[in-house]
PDB file of N, CA and C in Angstrom:
ATOM      1  N   THR A   1      80.455 111.773  -2.241  1.00  0.00           N
ATOM      2  CA  THR A   1      80.891 112.784  -3.226  1.00  0.00           C
ATOM      3  C   THR A   1      82.278 113.002  -3.061  1.00  0.00           C
ATOM      4  N   HIS A   2      82.650 113.798  -4.276  1.00  0.00           N
ATOM      5  CA  HIS A   2      84.138 113.889  -4.583  1.00  0.00           C
ATOM      6  C   HIS A   2      84.657 115.172  -3.671  1.00  0.00           C
ATOM      7  N   PRO A   3      85.708 115.095  -2.876  1.00  0.00           N
ATOM      8  CA  PRO A   3      86.109 116.341  -2.061  1.00  0.00           C
ATOM      9  C   PRO A   3      86.556 117.411  -3.016  1.00  0.00           C
ATOM     10  N   ARG A   4      86.707 117.422  -4.286  1.00  0.00           N
ATOM     11  CA  ARG A   4      87.204 118.308  -5.259  1.00  0.00           C
ATOM     12  C   ARG A   4      86.468 118.729  -6.322  1.00  0.00           C
ATOM     13  N   TRP A   5      85.118 118.903  -5.765  1.00  0.00           N
ATOM     14  CA  TRP A   5      84.160 119.413  -6.766  1.00  0.00           C
ATOM     15  C   TRP A   5      84.170 120.819  -7.023  1.00  0.00           C
ATOM     16  N   THR A   6      84.660 121.490  -5.684  1.00  0.00           N
ATOM     17  CA  THR A   6      84.449 122.952  -5.842  1.00  0.00           C
ATOM     18  C   THR A   6      85.993 123.654  -5.857  1.00  0.00           C
ATOM     19  N   SER A   7      87.006 122.970  -5.736  1.00  0.00           N
ATOM     20  CA  SER A   7      88.155 123.405  -5.638  1.00  0.00           C
ATOM     21  C   SER A   7      89.268 122.285  -6.331  1.00  0.00           C
ATOM     22  N   PRO A   8      90.386 122.632  -6.913  1.00  0.00           N
ATOM     23  CA  PRO A   8      91.407 121.610  -7.328  1.00  0.00           C
ATOM     24  C   PRO A   8      91.941 121.135  -6.176  1.00  0.00           C
ATOM     25  N   GLU A   9      92.163 121.922  -5.104  1.00  0.00           N
ATOM     26  CA  GLU A   9      92.601 121.325  -3.676  1.00  0.00           C
ATOM     27  C   GLU A   9      92.000 120.283  -3.088  1.00  0.00           C
ATOM     28  N   PRO A  10      92.480 119.371  -2.409  1.00  0.00           N
ATOM     29  CA  PRO A  10      91.759 118.316  -1.519  1.00  0.00           C
ATOM     30  C   PRO A  10      91.171 119.042  -0.354  1.00  0.00           C
ATOM     31  N   THR A  11      89.873 119.059  -0.186  1.00  0.00           N
ATOM     32  CA  THR A  11      89.242 119.802   1.000  1.00  0.00           C
ATOM     33  C   THR A  11      88.765 118.705   2.179  1.00  0.00           C
ATOM     34  N   GLY A  12      88.892 117.327   1.857  1.00  0.00           N
ATOM     35  CA  GLY A  12      88.565 116.668   2.769  1.00  0.00           C
ATOM     36  C   GLY A  12      88.095 115.263   2.095  1.00  0.00           C
ATOM     37  N   LYS A  13      87.753 114.457   3.152  1.00  0.00           N
ATOM     38  CA  LYS A  13      87.392 113.147   2.592  1.00  0.00           C
ATOM     39  C   LYS A  13      86.155 112.859   1.535  1.00  0.00           C
ATOM     40  N   GLY A  14      85.301 113.873   1.721  1.00  0.00           N
ATOM     41  CA  GLY A  14      83.958 113.647   0.775  1.00  0.00           C
ATOM     42  C   GLY A  14      82.905 113.059   1.717  1.00  0.00           C
ATOM     43  N   ARG A  15      81.535 112.881   1.068  1.00  0.00           N
ATOM     44  CA  ARG A  15      80.660 112.612   1.827  1.00  0.00           C
ATOM     45  C   ARG A  15      80.306 111.082   1.285  1.00  0.00           C
ATOM     46  N   PRO A  16      79.688 110.260   2.149  1.00  0.00           N
ATOM     47  CA  PRO A  16      79.276 109.031   1.662  1.00  0.00           C
ATOM     48  C   PRO A  16      78.235 109.258   0.535  1.00  0.00           C
ATOM     49  N   GLY A  17      77.906 108.266  -0.171  1.00  0.00           N
ATOM     50  CA  GLY A  17      76.849 108.608  -1.256  1.00  0.00           C
ATOM     51  C   GLY A  17      75.656 108.735  -0.593  1.00  0.00           C
ATOM     52  N   MET A  18      74.504 109.213  -1.530  1.00  0.00           N
ATOM     53  CA  MET A  18      73.057 109.447  -0.970  1.00  0.00           C
ATOM     54  C   MET A  18      72.354 109.235  -2.115  1.00  0.00           C
ATOM     55  N   LEU A  19      71.108 108.520  -1.807  1.00  0.00           N
ATOM     56  CA  LEU A  19      70.036 108.082  -2.598  1.00  0.00           C
ATOM     57  C   LEU A  19      68.846 108.888  -2.545  1.00  0.00           C
ATOM     58  N   VAL A  20      68.391 109.614  -3.516  1.00  0.00           N
ATOM     59  CA  VAL A  20      66.998 110.320  -3.254  1.00  0.00           C
ATOM     60  C   VAL A  20      66.057 109.818  -4.185  1.00  0.00           C
ATOM     61  N   ASN A  21      64.852 110.292  -3.952  1.00  0.00           N
ATOM     62  CA  ASN A  21      63.755 110.018  -4.843  1.00  0.00           C
ATOM     63  C   ASN A  21      63.407 111.353  -5.548  1.00  0.00           C
ATOM     64  N   LEU A  22      63.925 111.513  -6.704  1.00  0.00           N
ATOM     65  CA  LEU A  22      63.463 112.861  -7.269  1.00  0.00           C
ATOM     66  C   LEU A  22      62.151 112.994  -7.813  1.00  0.00           C
ATOM     67  N   ALA A  23      61.283 111.992  -7.761  1.00  0.00           N
ATOM     68  CA  ALA A  23      59.796 112.376  -8.140  1.00  0.00           C
ATOM     69  C   ALA A  23      59.109 112.880  -7.074  1.00  0.00           C
ATOM     70  N   LYS A  24      59.749 112.566  -5.909  1.00  0.00           N
ATOM     71  CA  LYS A  24      59.252 113.400  -4.659  1.00  0.00           C
ATOM     72  C   LYS A  24      59.815 114.173  -3.867  1.00  0.00           C
ATOM     73  N   ASP A  25      61.370 114.312  -4.056  1.00  0.00           N
ATOM     74  CA  ASP A  25      62.115 115.073  -3.397  1.00  0.00           C
ATOM     75  C   ASP A  25      63.132 115.780  -4.217  1.00  0.00           C
ATOM     76  N   LEU A  26      62.569 117.165  -5.024  1.00  0.00           N
ATOM     77  CA  LEU A  26      63.510 117.817  -5.888  1.00  0.00           C
ATOM     78  C   LEU A  26      64.600 118.268  -5.067  1.00  0.00           C
ATOM     79  N   LYS A  27      64.364 118.766  -4.226  1.00  0.00           N
ATOM     80  CA  LYS A  27      65.316 119.588  -3.238  1.00  0.00           C
ATOM     81  C   LYS A  27      66.484 118.668  -2.569  1.00  0.00           C
ATOM     82  N   GLU A  28      66.215 117.190  -2.920  1.00  0.00           N
ATOM     83  CA  GLU A  28      67.435 116.207  -2.467  1.00  0.00           C
ATOM     84  C   GLU A  28      67.821 116.426  -1.061  1.00  0.00           C
ATOM     85  N   LYS A  29      66.749 116.299  -0.041  1.00  0.00           N
ATOM     86  CA  LYS A  29      66.864 116.502   1.247  1.00  0.00           C
ATOM     87  C   LYS A  29      66.508 115.197   2.109  1.00  0.00           C
ATOM     88  N   GLU A  30      65.763 114.284   1.388  1.00  0.00           N
ATOM     89  CA  GLU A  30      65.628 113.014   2.106  1.00  0.00           C
ATOM     90  C   GLU A  30      66.484 111.656   1.561  1.00  0.00           C
ATOM     91  N   ASP A  31      67.312 111.230   2.451  1.00  0.00           N
ATOM     92  CA  ASP A  31      68.192 110.168   1.805  1.00  0.00           C
ATOM     93  C   ASP A  31      67.591 108.951   2.177  1.00  0.00           C
ATOM     94  N   VAL A  32      67.034 107.931   1.025  1.00  0.00           N
ATOM     95  CA  VAL A  32      66.537 106.898   1.144  1.00  0.00           C
ATOM     96  C   VAL A  32      67.552 105.563   0.848  1.00  0.00           C
ATOM     97  N   SER A  33      68.580 105.881   0.983  1.00  0.00           N
ATOM     98  CA  SER A  33      69.529 104.833   0.734  1.00  0.00           C
ATOM     99  C   SER A  33      69.507 103.619   1.750  1.00  0.00           C
ATOM    100  N   ALA A  34      69.061 103.646   3.036  1.00  0.00           N
ATOM    101  CA  ALA A  34      68.778 102.739   3.987  1.00  0.00           C
ATOM    102  C   ALA A  34      67.673 101.895   3.694  1.00  0.00           C
ATOM    103  N   ALA A  35      66.714 102.308   3.003  1.00  0.00           N
ATOM    104  CA  ALA A  35      65.445 101.874   2.498  1.00  0.00           C
ATOM    105  C   ALA A  35      65.877 100.721   1.162  1.00  0.00           C
ATOM    106  N   HIS A  36      66.842 101.314   0.552  1.00  0.00           N
ATOM    107  CA  HIS A  36      67.284 100.518  -0.819  1.00  0.00           C
ATOM    108  C   HIS A  36      68.696 100.289  -0.904  1.00  0.00           C
ATOM    109  N   PRO A  37      69.109  99.215  -0.089  1.00  0.00           N
ATOM    110  CA  PRO A  37      70.393  98.933   0.026  1.00  0.00           C
ATOM    111  C   PRO A  37      70.846  98.253  -1.240  1.00  0.00           C
ATOM    112  N   GLU A  38      70.134  97.373  -1.803  1.00  0.00           N
ATOM    113  CA  GLU A  38      70.450  96.879  -3.179  1.00  0.00           C
ATOM    114  C   GLU A  38      70.707  98.004  -4.134  1.00  0.00           C
ATOM    115  N   VAL A  39      69.985  99.018  -4.118  1.00  0.00           N
ATOM    116  CA  VAL A  39      70.855  99.934  -5.349  1.00  0.00           C
ATOM    117  C   VAL A  39      71.860 100.598  -4.857  1.00  0.00           C
ATOM    118  N   MET A  40      72.091 100.903  -3.434  1.00  0.00           N
ATOM    119  CA  MET A  40      73.632 101.481  -3.062  1.00  0.00           C
ATOM    120  C   MET A  40      74.752 100.523  -3.417  1.00  0.00           C
ATOM    121  N   LYS A  41      74.348  99.148  -3.148  1.00  0.00           N
ATOM    122  CA  LYS A  41      75.356  98.217  -3.755  1.00  0.00           C
ATOM    123  C   LYS A  41      75.697  98.303  -5.046  1.00  0.00           C
ATOM    124  N   LYS A  42      74.710  98.356  -6.040  1.00  0.00           N
ATOM    125  CA  LYS A  42      74.808  98.350  -7.427  1.00  0.00           C
ATOM    126  C   LYS A  42      75.642  99.424  -7.668  1.00  0.00           C
ATOM    127  N   MET A  43      75.427 100.805  -7.144  1.00  0.00           N
ATOM    128  CA  MET A  43      75.980 102.276  -7.448  1.00  0.00           C
ATOM    129  C   MET A  43      77.407 101.915  -7.120  1.00  0.00           C
ATOM    130  N   LYS A  44      77.753 101.387  -6.001  1.00  0.00           N
ATOM    131  CA  LYS A  44      79.122 101.283  -5.432  1.00  0.00           C
ATOM    132  C   LYS A  44      79.946 100.374  -6.517  1.00  0.00           C
ATOM    133  N   GLN A  45      79.421  99.245  -6.815  1.00  0.00           N
ATOM    134  CA  GLN A  45      80.009  98.293  -7.912  1.00  0.00           C
ATOM    135  C   GLN A  45      80.205  99.192  -9.144  1.00  0.00           C
ATOM    136  N   TYR A  46      79.314  99.930  -9.644  1.00  0.00           N
ATOM    137  CA  TYR A  46      79.402 100.945 -11.046  1.00  0.00           C
ATOM    138  C   TYR A  46      80.663 101.738 -10.536  1.00  0.00           C
ATOM    139  N   ALA A  47      80.608 102.530  -9.528  1.00  0.00           N
ATOM    140  CA  ALA A  47      81.730 103.510  -9.235  1.00  0.00           C
ATOM    141  C   ALA A  47      83.080 102.703  -9.088  1.00  0.00           C
ATOM    142  N   ALA A  48      83.222 101.564  -8.516  1.00  0.00           N
ATOM    143  CA  ALA A  48      84.364 100.864  -8.490  1.00  0.00           C
ATOM    144  C   ALA A  48      84.753 100.266  -9.930  1.00  0.00           C
ATOM    145  N   SER A  49      83.877  99.919 -10.759  1.00  0.00           N
ATOM    146  CA  SER A  49      84.396  99.615 -11.884  1.00  0.00           C
ATOM    147  C   SER A  49      84.843 100.848 -12.724  1.00  0.00           C
ATOM    148  N   ALA A  50      84.283 101.907 -12.662  1.00  0.00           N
ATOM    149  CA  ALA A  50      84.785 103.092 -13.264  1.00  0.00           C
ATOM    150  C   ALA A  50      86.016 103.464 -12.783  1.00  0.00           C
ATOM    151  N   ILE A  51      86.269 103.428 -11.619  1.00  0.00           N
ATOM    152  CA  ILE A  51      87.762 103.808 -11.060  1.00  0.00           C
ATOM    153  C   ILE A  51      88.861 102.886 -11.557  1.00  0.00           C
ATOM    154  N   ALA A  52      88.385 101.558 -11.427  1.00  0.00           N
ATOM    155  CA  ALA A  52      89.403 100.482 -12.058  1.00  0.00           C
ATOM    156  C   ALA A  52      89.719 100.580 -13.714  1.00  0.00           C
ATOM    157  N   GLU A  53      88.692 101.015 -14.446  1.00  0.00           N
ATOM    158  CA  GLU A  53      89.025 101.460 -15.762  1.00  0.00           C
ATOM    159  C   GLU A  53      89.676 102.904 -15.934  1.00  0.00           C
ATOM    160  N   LEU A  54      88.907 103.831 -15.333  1.00  0.00           N
ATOM    161  CA  LEU A  54      89.234 105.110 -15.789  1.00  0.00           C
ATOM    162  C   LEU A  54      90.253 105.937 -14.763  1.00  0.00           C
ATOM    163  N   GLY A  55      90.322 105.196 -13.802  1.00  0.00           N
ATOM    164  CA  GLY A  55      91.421 105.754 -12.604  1.00  0.00           C
ATOM    165  C   GLY A  55      90.874 107.086 -11.753  1.00  0.00           C
ATOM    166  N   ASN A  56      91.455 107.536 -10.887  1.00  0.00           N
ATOM    167  CA  ASN A  56      90.964 108.701  -9.976  1.00  0.00           C
ATOM    168  C   ASN A  56      92.243 109.396  -9.511  1.00  0.00           C
ATOM    169  N   ASP A  57      92.176 110.077  -8.432  1.00  0.00           N
ATOM    170  CA  ASP A  57      93.224 110.707  -8.038  1.00  0.00           C
ATOM    171  C   ASP A  57      94.154 109.937  -7.121  1.00  0.00           C
ATOM    172  N   ALA A  58      93.578 108.779  -6.646  1.00  0.00           N
ATOM    173  CA  ALA A  58      94.358 107.791  -5.877  1.00  0.00           C
ATOM    174  C   ALA A  58      95.169 106.801  -6.895  1.00  0.00           C
ATOM    175  N   SER A  59      94.653 106.460  -8.055  1.00  0.00           N
ATOM    176  CA  SER A  59      95.129 105.344  -8.766  1.00  0.00           C
ATOM    177  C   SER A  59      94.906 105.367 -10.140  1.00  0.00           C
ATOM    178  N   ASP A  60      95.843 105.008 -11.076  1.00  0.00           N
ATOM    179  CA  ASP A  60      95.667 104.986 -12.487  1.00  0.00           C
ATOM    180  C   ASP A  60      94.684 103.903 -12.854  1.00  0.00           C
ATOM    181  N   GLY A  61      94.003 103.925 -14.026  1.00  0.00           N
ATOM    182  CA  GLY A  61      93.166 103.040 -14.356  1.00  0.00           C
ATOM    183  C   GLY A  61      93.694 102.169 -15.596  1.00  0.00           C
ATOM    184  N   SER A  62      92.993 100.981 -15.802  1.00  0.00           N
ATOM    185  CA  SER A  62      93.741 100.217 -16.853  1.00  0.00           C
ATOM    186  C   SER A  62      93.323 100.779 -18.280  1.00  0.00           C
ATOM    187  N   GLU A  63      92.486 101.878 -18.457  1.00  0.00           N
ATOM    188  CA  GLU A  63      92.285 102.345 -19.631  1.00  0.00           C
ATOM    189  C   GLU A  63      92.575 103.733 -19.684  1.00  0.00           C
ATOM    190  N   GLN A  64      93.209 104.464 -18.720  1.00  0.00           N
ATOM    191  CA  GLN A  64      93.604 105.784 -18.582  1.00  0.00           C
ATOM    192  C   GLN A  64      94.800 106.032 -19.434  1.00  0.00           C
ATOM    193  N   ARG A  65      94.249 107.204 -20.122  1.00  0.00           N
ATOM    194  CA  ARG A  65      95.694 107.635 -21.226  1.00  0.00           C
ATOM    195  C   ARG A  65      96.497 108.570 -20.539  1.00  0.00           C
ATOM    196  N   PRO A  66      97.795 108.610 -20.998  1.00  0.00           N
ATOM    197  CA  PRO A  66      98.806 109.590 -20.242  1.00  0.00           C
ATOM    198  C   PRO A  66      98.386 110.909 -20.758  1.00  0.00           C
ATOM    199  N   ALA A  67      98.439 111.908 -19.509  1.00  0.00           N
ATOM    200  CA  ALA A  67      98.250 113.298 -19.795  1.00  0.00           C
ATOM    201  C   ALA A  67      99.347 113.904 -20.981  1.00  0.00           C
ATOM    202  N   THR A  68      98.832 114.777 -21.708  1.00  0.00           N
ATOM    203  CA  THR A  68      99.652 115.352 -22.373  1.00  0.00           C
ATOM    204  C   THR A  68      99.907 116.990 -22.201  1.00  0.00           C
ATOM    205  N   ASP A  69     100.660 117.863 -22.827  1.00  0.00           N
ATOM    206  CA  ASP A  69     100.641 119.068 -22.803  1.00  0.00           C
ATOM    207  C   ASP A  69     100.860 119.722 -24.054  1.00  0.00           C
ATOM    208  N   LEU A  70     100.798 121.164 -23.987  1.00  0.00           N
ATOM    209  CA  LEU A  70     100.707 121.646 -25.489  1.00  0.00           C
ATOM    210  C   LEU A  70     102.052 121.518 -26.060  1.00  0.00           C
ATOM    211  N   LYS A  71     103.315 121.110 -25.378  1.00  0.00           N
ATOM    212  CA  LYS A  71     104.583 120.872 -26.023  1.00  0.00           C
ATOM    213  C   LYS A  71     104.355 119.448 -26.776  1.00  0.00           C
ATOM    214  N   SER A  72     103.663 118.775 -26.402  1.00  0.00           N
ATOM    215  CA  SER A  72     103.779 117.207 -26.975  1.00  0.00           C
ATOM    216  C   SER A  72     102.613 116.961 -27.633  1.00  0.00           C
ATOM    217  N   SER A  73     101.532 117.880 -27.607  1.00  0.00           N
ATOM    218  CA  SER A  73     100.350 117.381 -28.428  1.00  0.00           C
ATOM    219  C   SER A  73     100.452 118.085 -29.990  1.00  0.00           C
ATOM    220  N   VAL A  74      99.790 117.251 -30.762  1.00  0.00           N
ATOM    221  CA  VAL A  74      99.671 117.762 -32.360  1.00  0.00           C
ATOM    222  C   VAL A  74      98.270 117.817 -32.714  1.00  0.00           C
ATOM    223  N   PRO A  75      98.199 118.688 -33.813  1.00  0.00           N
ATOM    224  CA  PRO A  75      96.810 118.886 -34.282  1.00  0.00           C
ATOM    225  C   PRO A  75      96.295 117.277 -34.839  1.00  0.00           C
ATOM    226  N   MET A  76      94.768 117.155 -34.680  1.00  0.00           N
ATOM    227  CA  MET A  76      94.405 116.031 -35.406  1.00  0.00           C
ATOM    228  C   MET A  76      93.611 116.642 -36.959  1.00  0.00           C
ATOM    229  N   LEU A  77      94.168 115.852 -37.865  1.00  0.00           N
ATOM    230  CA  LEU A  77      93.598 116.342 -39.129  1.00  0.00           C
ATOM    231  C   LEU A  77      92.879 115.273 -39.810  1.00  0.00           C
ATOM    232  N   LEU A  78      91.899 115.646 -40.583  1.00  0.00           N
ATOM    233  CA  LEU A  78      90.887 114.737 -41.119  1.00  0.00           C
ATOM    234  C   LEU A  78      91.768 114.091 -42.256  1.00  0.00           C
ATOM    235  N   PRO A  79      91.647 112.971 -42.794  1.00  0.00           N
ATOM    236  CA  PRO A  79      92.200 112.375 -43.921  1.00  0.00           C
ATOM    237  C   PRO A  79      91.869 113.019 -45.314  1.00  0.00           C
TER     238      PRO A  79
END
């Protein structure tokens, strides 16, 4: 999980991913990732692909747009 989900300031490293069976565990108490390593591997691949394309706090992504502020933004008008 992301260490900044509750605050804009870094609060730590975050936690490792967790896999739950929502059909049986709506409270998300039981981690079943050890029983399904192939699912965790695929989820990590999806996350790595998203980071490579969109970026994160540590690195820019290949498709990441530059940030703008109100001084440099312009309204979008319909043709």
